[in-house]
Amino acid sequence: QGGGRRGEGWLQASREITATILAGATSEEALQLVCAQVVELLGANRCTAMLPIRGDVFTVVAIAGVGPDLQDFVGSEHRYAETPSAPARGSR
C-alpha cells in the first residue's frame, strides 16, 4: 500500500513540474520545484541541483536548492581539478 501512495506522489509531482515548465517557468524555477518535490517525497532535509559550466576546469553551479542554510550555496560555483567519475556499477 505505501508503495502505491508513494508512486501517486511521484506522478503528482511529475504533473506539477510539467505544468510549471509548460507555463513558461525559468529553468531555475523548474529546478527549484524539482528540489522541493524531492525533499517532500523522500523526506530529505535538503536537495541541490547542480549544472556543469563549460571551461578548462570542471565547474558546476548550484542552480537551485531547498533546505536549511542553502541560501548562500545556491548560485555559487564549485571548481574541481579533475572531472569526477561515476562510481562503478554495484559500488556504493
N, C-alpha and C. Protein backbone atom coordinates (compact mmCIF):
# COMPACT_ATOMS: atom_id res chain seq x y z
N GLN A 1 0.81 -1.20 0.00
CA GLN A 1 0.00 0.00 0.00
C GLN A 1 0.86 1.27 0.00
N GLY A 2 1.89 1.34 0.83
CA GLY A 2 2.73 2.52 0.91
C GLY A 2 3.41 2.83 -0.40
N GLY A 3 3.82 1.78 -1.14
CA GLY A 3 4.46 1.99 -2.43
C GLY A 3 3.52 2.61 -3.43
N GLY A 4 2.23 2.25 -3.36
CA GLY A 4 1.24 2.83 -4.25
C GLY A 4 1.04 4.31 -4.01
N ARG A 5 0.98 4.69 -2.74
CA ARG A 5 0.84 6.11 -2.40
C ARG A 5 2.08 6.88 -2.80
N ARG A 6 3.23 6.26 -2.61
CA ARG A 6 4.48 6.92 -2.98
C ARG A 6 4.51 7.14 -4.49
N GLY A 7 4.08 6.11 -5.24
CA GLY A 7 4.03 6.24 -6.70
C GLY A 7 3.07 7.34 -7.13
N GLU A 8 1.94 7.44 -6.45
CA GLU A 8 0.98 8.51 -6.75
C GLU A 8 1.61 9.88 -6.47
N GLY A 9 2.39 9.97 -5.41
CA GLY A 9 3.08 11.23 -5.09
C GLY A 9 4.04 11.64 -6.19
N TRP A 10 4.79 10.67 -6.71
CA TRP A 10 5.73 10.96 -7.79
C TRP A 10 4.99 11.36 -9.06
N LEU A 11 3.87 10.71 -9.35
CA LEU A 11 3.08 11.08 -10.53
C LEU A 11 2.54 12.50 -10.40
N GLN A 12 2.04 12.84 -9.21
CA GLN A 12 1.52 14.19 -8.99
C GLN A 12 2.65 15.21 -9.11
N ALA A 13 3.82 14.90 -8.56
CA ALA A 13 4.97 15.80 -8.66
C ALA A 13 5.36 16.00 -10.12
N SER A 14 5.37 14.92 -10.88
CA SER A 14 5.71 15.00 -12.30
C SER A 14 4.72 15.89 -13.05
N ARG A 15 3.44 15.74 -12.76
CA ARG A 15 2.42 16.59 -13.40
C ARG A 15 2.63 18.06 -13.04
N GLU A 16 2.93 18.33 -11.77
CA GLU A 16 3.12 19.71 -11.33
C GLU A 16 4.35 20.33 -11.99
N ILE A 17 5.42 19.57 -12.07
CA ILE A 17 6.66 20.06 -12.70
C ILE A 17 6.42 20.32 -14.18
N THR A 18 5.75 19.39 -14.86
CA THR A 18 5.44 19.55 -16.28
C THR A 18 4.59 20.79 -16.51
N ALA A 19 3.55 20.97 -15.70
CA ALA A 19 2.68 22.14 -15.83
C ALA A 19 3.46 23.43 -15.62
N THR A 20 4.37 23.43 -14.67
CA THR A 20 5.18 24.61 -14.39
C THR A 20 6.07 24.96 -15.59
N ILE A 21 6.69 23.94 -16.18
CA ILE A 21 7.55 24.17 -17.34
C ILE A 21 6.72 24.67 -18.52
N LEU A 22 5.58 24.03 -18.77
CA LEU A 22 4.72 24.43 -19.89
C LEU A 22 4.15 25.84 -19.71
N ALA A 23 4.04 26.29 -18.46
CA ALA A 23 3.54 27.63 -18.17
C ALA A 23 4.61 28.70 -18.37
N GLY A 24 5.84 28.26 -18.72
CA GLY A 24 6.88 29.23 -19.03
C GLY A 24 7.86 29.52 -17.91
N ALA A 25 7.93 28.65 -16.93
CA ALA A 25 8.87 28.86 -15.82
C ALA A 25 10.31 28.84 -16.34
N THR A 26 11.17 29.57 -15.66
CA THR A 26 12.60 29.53 -15.99
C THR A 26 13.17 28.18 -15.54
N SER A 27 14.34 27.84 -16.04
CA SER A 27 14.96 26.59 -15.62
C SER A 27 15.23 26.60 -14.12
N GLU A 28 15.61 27.75 -13.58
CA GLU A 28 15.85 27.84 -12.14
C GLU A 28 14.57 27.58 -11.35
N GLU A 29 13.45 28.15 -11.81
CA GLU A 29 12.17 27.92 -11.12
C GLU A 29 11.76 26.45 -11.19
N ALA A 30 11.94 25.85 -12.37
CA ALA A 30 11.58 24.43 -12.52
C ALA A 30 12.46 23.56 -11.64
N LEU A 31 13.76 23.83 -11.60
CA LEU A 31 14.65 23.02 -10.77
C LEU A 31 14.39 23.25 -9.28
N GLN A 32 14.00 24.45 -8.91
CA GLN A 32 13.64 24.72 -7.52
C GLN A 32 12.44 23.87 -7.13
N LEU A 33 11.46 23.76 -8.03
CA LEU A 33 10.29 22.93 -7.77
C LEU A 33 10.67 21.46 -7.69
N VAL A 34 11.57 21.01 -8.57
CA VAL A 34 12.04 19.62 -8.51
C VAL A 34 12.66 19.35 -7.14
N CYS A 35 13.52 20.26 -6.69
CA CYS A 35 14.15 20.08 -5.37
C CYS A 35 13.10 20.03 -4.26
N ALA A 36 12.12 20.92 -4.32
CA ALA A 36 11.07 20.93 -3.29
C ALA A 36 10.31 19.61 -3.28
N GLN A 37 10.02 19.08 -4.46
CA GLN A 37 9.29 17.81 -4.55
C GLN A 37 10.14 16.66 -4.01
N VAL A 38 11.42 16.65 -4.32
CA VAL A 38 12.31 15.60 -3.83
C VAL A 38 12.36 15.61 -2.30
N VAL A 39 12.53 16.80 -1.72
CA VAL A 39 12.57 16.93 -0.26
C VAL A 39 11.28 16.41 0.35
N GLU A 40 10.15 16.81 -0.22
CA GLU A 40 8.86 16.39 0.32
C GLU A 40 8.64 14.89 0.17
N LEU A 41 8.87 14.37 -1.03
CA LEU A 41 8.55 12.96 -1.30
C LEU A 41 9.51 11.98 -0.63
N LEU A 42 10.77 12.37 -0.49
CA LEU A 42 11.74 11.46 0.11
C LEU A 42 11.96 11.73 1.60
N GLY A 43 11.41 12.82 2.09
CA GLY A 43 11.63 13.17 3.48
C GLY A 43 13.08 13.60 3.72
N ALA A 44 13.71 14.11 2.66
CA ALA A 44 15.11 14.56 2.77
C ALA A 44 15.16 15.90 3.48
N ASN A 45 16.33 16.26 4.00
CA ASN A 45 16.43 17.56 4.65
C ASN A 45 16.92 18.63 3.69
N ARG A 46 17.44 18.23 2.51
CA ARG A 46 17.85 19.20 1.51
C ARG A 46 18.04 18.53 0.16
N CYS A 47 18.00 19.35 -0.87
CA CYS A 47 18.23 18.90 -2.24
C CYS A 47 18.87 20.06 -3.00
N THR A 48 19.85 19.78 -3.79
CA THR A 48 20.51 20.80 -4.59
C THR A 48 20.62 20.32 -6.03
N ALA A 49 20.32 21.21 -6.97
CA ALA A 49 20.50 20.91 -8.40
C ALA A 49 21.77 21.61 -8.86
N MET A 50 22.69 20.85 -9.43
CA MET A 50 23.97 21.37 -9.91
C MET A 50 24.04 21.19 -11.42
N LEU A 51 24.49 22.22 -12.12
CA LEU A 51 24.65 22.15 -13.57
C LEU A 51 26.10 22.43 -13.94
N PRO A 52 26.64 21.69 -14.93
CA PRO A 52 28.02 21.93 -15.35
C PRO A 52 28.14 23.23 -16.15
N ILE A 53 29.31 23.83 -16.06
CA ILE A 53 29.65 25.02 -16.82
C ILE A 53 30.84 24.64 -17.71
N ARG A 54 30.81 25.06 -18.96
CA ARG A 54 31.94 24.75 -19.86
C ARG A 54 33.18 25.52 -19.44
N GLY A 55 34.31 24.89 -19.62
CA GLY A 55 35.58 25.52 -19.30
C GLY A 55 36.68 24.49 -19.25
N ASP A 56 37.91 24.95 -18.97
CA ASP A 56 39.04 24.03 -18.94
C ASP A 56 39.15 23.30 -17.61
N VAL A 57 38.42 23.75 -16.60
CA VAL A 57 38.37 23.07 -15.30
C VAL A 57 36.91 22.67 -15.08
N PHE A 58 36.70 21.47 -14.56
CA PHE A 58 35.33 21.03 -14.31
C PHE A 58 34.70 21.94 -13.26
N THR A 59 33.63 22.62 -13.65
CA THR A 59 32.95 23.56 -12.76
C THR A 59 31.46 23.30 -12.82
N VAL A 60 30.83 23.34 -11.67
CA VAL A 60 29.37 23.25 -11.59
C VAL A 60 28.86 24.46 -10.82
N VAL A 61 27.61 24.81 -11.09
CA VAL A 61 26.97 25.89 -10.35
C VAL A 61 25.73 25.32 -9.68
N ALA A 62 25.53 25.71 -8.43
CA ALA A 62 24.34 25.31 -7.70
C ALA A 62 23.20 26.21 -8.19
N ILE A 63 22.31 25.65 -8.99
CA ILE A 63 21.27 26.44 -9.66
C ILE A 63 19.99 26.55 -8.83
N ALA A 64 19.75 25.58 -7.96
CA ALA A 64 18.54 25.60 -7.14
C ALA A 64 18.79 24.74 -5.91
N GLY A 65 18.01 24.99 -4.87
CA GLY A 65 18.15 24.17 -3.68
C GLY A 65 17.05 24.44 -2.67
N VAL A 66 16.76 23.41 -1.90
CA VAL A 66 15.76 23.51 -0.83
C VAL A 66 16.38 22.89 0.40
N GLY A 67 16.33 23.59 1.51
CA GLY A 67 16.85 23.05 2.75
C GLY A 67 17.52 24.13 3.57
N PRO A 68 17.88 23.76 4.80
CA PRO A 68 18.50 24.74 5.70
C PRO A 68 19.86 25.19 5.19
N ASP A 69 20.15 26.46 5.36
CA ASP A 69 21.47 27.04 5.08
C ASP A 69 21.89 26.95 3.62
N LEU A 70 20.96 26.87 2.68
CA LEU A 70 21.33 26.80 1.27
C LEU A 70 21.27 28.16 0.57
N GLN A 71 20.78 29.20 1.23
CA GLN A 71 20.64 30.49 0.57
C GLN A 71 21.98 31.03 0.06
N ASP A 72 23.08 30.78 0.76
CA ASP A 72 24.39 31.23 0.29
C ASP A 72 25.00 30.25 -0.70
N PHE A 73 24.54 29.02 -0.70
CA PHE A 73 25.08 27.98 -1.58
C PHE A 73 24.53 28.09 -3.00
N VAL A 74 23.24 28.36 -3.13
CA VAL A 74 22.61 28.48 -4.44
C VAL A 74 23.20 29.68 -5.16
N GLY A 75 23.62 29.45 -6.39
CA GLY A 75 24.27 30.49 -7.19
C GLY A 75 25.78 30.42 -7.13
N SER A 76 26.31 29.60 -6.25
CA SER A 76 27.76 29.51 -6.13
C SER A 76 28.34 28.51 -7.13
N GLU A 77 29.58 28.77 -7.55
CA GLU A 77 30.29 27.87 -8.46
C GLU A 77 31.28 27.03 -7.66
N HIS A 78 31.48 25.81 -8.13
CA HIS A 78 32.39 24.88 -7.47
C HIS A 78 33.30 24.29 -8.54
N ARG A 79 34.60 24.47 -8.37
CA ARG A 79 35.57 24.00 -9.36
C ARG A 79 36.32 22.79 -8.83
N TYR A 80 36.62 21.89 -9.75
CA TYR A 80 37.33 20.67 -9.41
C TYR A 80 38.50 20.51 -10.36
N ALA A 81 39.65 20.10 -9.85
CA ALA A 81 40.83 19.93 -10.68
C ALA A 81 40.62 18.82 -11.71
N GLU A 82 39.85 17.82 -11.35
CA GLU A 82 39.59 16.71 -12.25
C GLU A 82 38.09 16.51 -12.35
N THR A 83 37.67 16.00 -13.49
CA THR A 83 36.26 15.67 -13.66
C THR A 83 35.93 14.48 -12.78
N PRO A 84 34.94 14.62 -11.91
CA PRO A 84 34.57 13.47 -11.07
C PRO A 84 34.06 12.33 -11.94
N SER A 85 34.41 11.13 -11.57
CA SER A 85 33.93 9.98 -12.34
C SER A 85 32.80 9.32 -11.58
N ALA A 86 31.93 8.68 -12.33
CA ALA A 86 30.81 7.98 -11.72
C ALA A 86 31.31 6.71 -11.06
N PRO A 87 30.71 6.32 -9.92
CA PRO A 87 31.14 5.07 -9.28
C PRO A 87 30.81 3.89 -10.18
N ALA A 88 31.59 2.85 -10.03
CA ALA A 88 31.36 1.64 -10.82
C ALA A 88 30.00 1.05 -10.45
N ARG A 89 29.37 0.43 -11.40
CA ARG A 89 28.07 -0.20 -11.12
C ARG A 89 28.19 -1.18 -9.98
N GLY A 90 27.22 -1.13 -9.09
CA GLY A 90 27.21 -2.08 -7.98
C GLY A 90 28.00 -1.58 -6.78
N SER A 91 28.77 -0.49 -6.94
CA SER A 91 29.52 0.01 -5.79
C SER A 91 28.70 1.10 -5.11
N ARG A 92 29.03 1.38 -3.87
CA ARG A 92 28.30 2.43 -3.12
C ARG A 92 29.23 3.49 -2.69
